[in-house]
Amino acid sequence: MPEVLKKRFDLAAKRRGISLSLYMEWLIDLDPEAPTPAEVLAEEGGDRLLTA
């Protein structure tokens, strides 16, 4: 990832007072093509529920 892009993500999360991880979770929730936790588990062959 280009450093300038990483800095933009870091600053955006900081401005909201949240972690970069939470910010990334929010972003993926906005993507209609992103797989659901159940789809990820099915693809990986797991049977545990994903948690944040």
C-alpha atoms as a PDB file:
ATOM      1  CA  MET A   1       0.000   0.000   0.000  1.00  0.00           C
ATOM      2  CA  PRO A   2       1.455   3.411  -0.867  1.00  0.00           C
ATOM      3  CA  GLU A   3       2.536   5.316   2.249  1.00  0.00           C
ATOM      4  CA  VAL A   4       0.371   8.327   1.384  1.00  0.00           C
ATOM      5  CA  LEU A   5      -2.707   6.101   1.231  1.00  0.00           C
ATOM      6  CA  LYS A   6      -1.888   4.493   4.580  1.00  0.00           C
ATOM      7  CA  LYS A   7      -1.513   7.961   6.101  1.00  0.00           C
ATOM      8  CA  ARG A   8      -4.919   8.977   4.726  1.00  0.00           C
ATOM      9  CA  PHE A   9      -6.563   5.920   6.321  1.00  0.00           C
ATOM     10  CA  ASP A  10      -4.770   6.507   9.608  1.00  0.00           C
ATOM     11  CA  LEU A  11      -5.808  10.166   9.692  1.00  0.00           C
ATOM     12  CA  ALA A  12      -9.417   9.384   8.778  1.00  0.00           C
ATOM     13  CA  ALA A  13      -9.659   6.880  11.643  1.00  0.00           C
ATOM     14  CA  LYS A  14      -7.952   9.265  14.055  1.00  0.00           C
ATOM     15  CA  ARG A  15     -10.371  12.084  13.162  1.00  0.00           C
ATOM     16  CA  ARG A  16     -13.240   9.799  14.117  1.00  0.00           C
ATOM     17  CA  GLY A  17     -11.543   8.711  17.327  1.00  0.00           C
ATOM     18  CA  ILE A  18     -11.508   5.054  16.298  1.00  0.00           C
ATOM     19  CA  SER A  19      -8.911   2.432  15.486  1.00  0.00           C
ATOM     20  CA  LEU A  20      -7.738   1.814  11.962  1.00  0.00           C
ATOM     21  CA  SER A  21      -9.169  -1.713  12.227  1.00  0.00           C
ATOM     22  CA  LEU A  22     -12.636  -0.416  13.062  1.00  0.00           C
ATOM     23  CA  TYR A  23     -12.419   2.127  10.267  1.00  0.00           C
ATOM     24  CA  MET A  24     -11.586  -0.672   7.814  1.00  0.00           C
ATOM     25  CA  GLU A  25     -14.552  -2.698   9.126  1.00  0.00           C
ATOM     26  CA  TRP A  26     -16.836   0.251   8.453  1.00  0.00           C
ATOM     27  CA  LEU A  27     -15.487   0.597   4.934  1.00  0.00           C
ATOM     28  CA  ILE A  28     -16.007  -3.040   4.048  1.00  0.00           C
ATOM     29  CA  ASP A  29     -19.556  -2.869   5.415  1.00  0.00           C
ATOM     30  CA  LEU A  30     -20.246  -0.168   2.808  1.00  0.00           C
ATOM     31  CA  ASP A  31     -19.136  -2.415  -0.072  1.00  0.00           C
ATOM     32  CA  PRO A  32     -22.116  -4.323  -1.508  1.00  0.00           C
ATOM     33  CA  GLU A  33     -19.745  -6.857  -3.098  1.00  0.00           C
ATOM     34  CA  ALA A  34     -17.909  -7.674   0.141  1.00  0.00           C
ATOM     35  CA  PRO A  35     -18.566 -11.197   1.388  1.00  0.00           C
ATOM     36  CA  THR A  36     -20.549 -11.728   4.554  1.00  0.00           C
ATOM     37  CA  PRO A  37     -18.864 -13.412   7.538  1.00  0.00           C
ATOM     38  CA  ALA A  38     -20.819 -16.588   6.698  1.00  0.00           C
ATOM     39  CA  GLU A  39     -19.507 -16.539   3.119  1.00  0.00           C
ATOM     40  CA  VAL A  40     -15.940 -16.177   4.373  1.00  0.00           C
ATOM     41  CA  LEU A  41     -16.398 -19.145   6.692  1.00  0.00           C
ATOM     42  CA  ALA A  42     -17.935 -21.258   3.945  1.00  0.00           C
ATOM     43  CA  GLU A  43     -15.040 -20.494   1.619  1.00  0.00           C
ATOM     44  CA  GLU A  44     -12.506 -21.350   4.325  1.00  0.00           C
ATOM     45  CA  GLY A  45     -14.398 -24.479   5.357  1.00  0.00           C
ATOM     46  CA  GLY A  46     -14.745 -23.287   8.939  1.00  0.00           C
ATOM     47  CA  ASP A  47     -17.700 -23.571  11.248  1.00  0.00           C
ATOM     48  CA  ARG A  48     -16.976 -20.809  13.751  1.00  0.00           C
ATOM     49  CA  LEU A  49     -18.739 -17.469  13.741  1.00  0.00           C
ATOM     50  CA  LEU A  50     -16.507 -14.497  12.942  1.00  0.00           C
ATOM     51  CA  THR A  51     -16.369 -11.798  15.582  1.00  0.00           C
ATOM     52  CA  ALA A  52     -14.765  -8.374  15.603  1.00  0.00           C
END
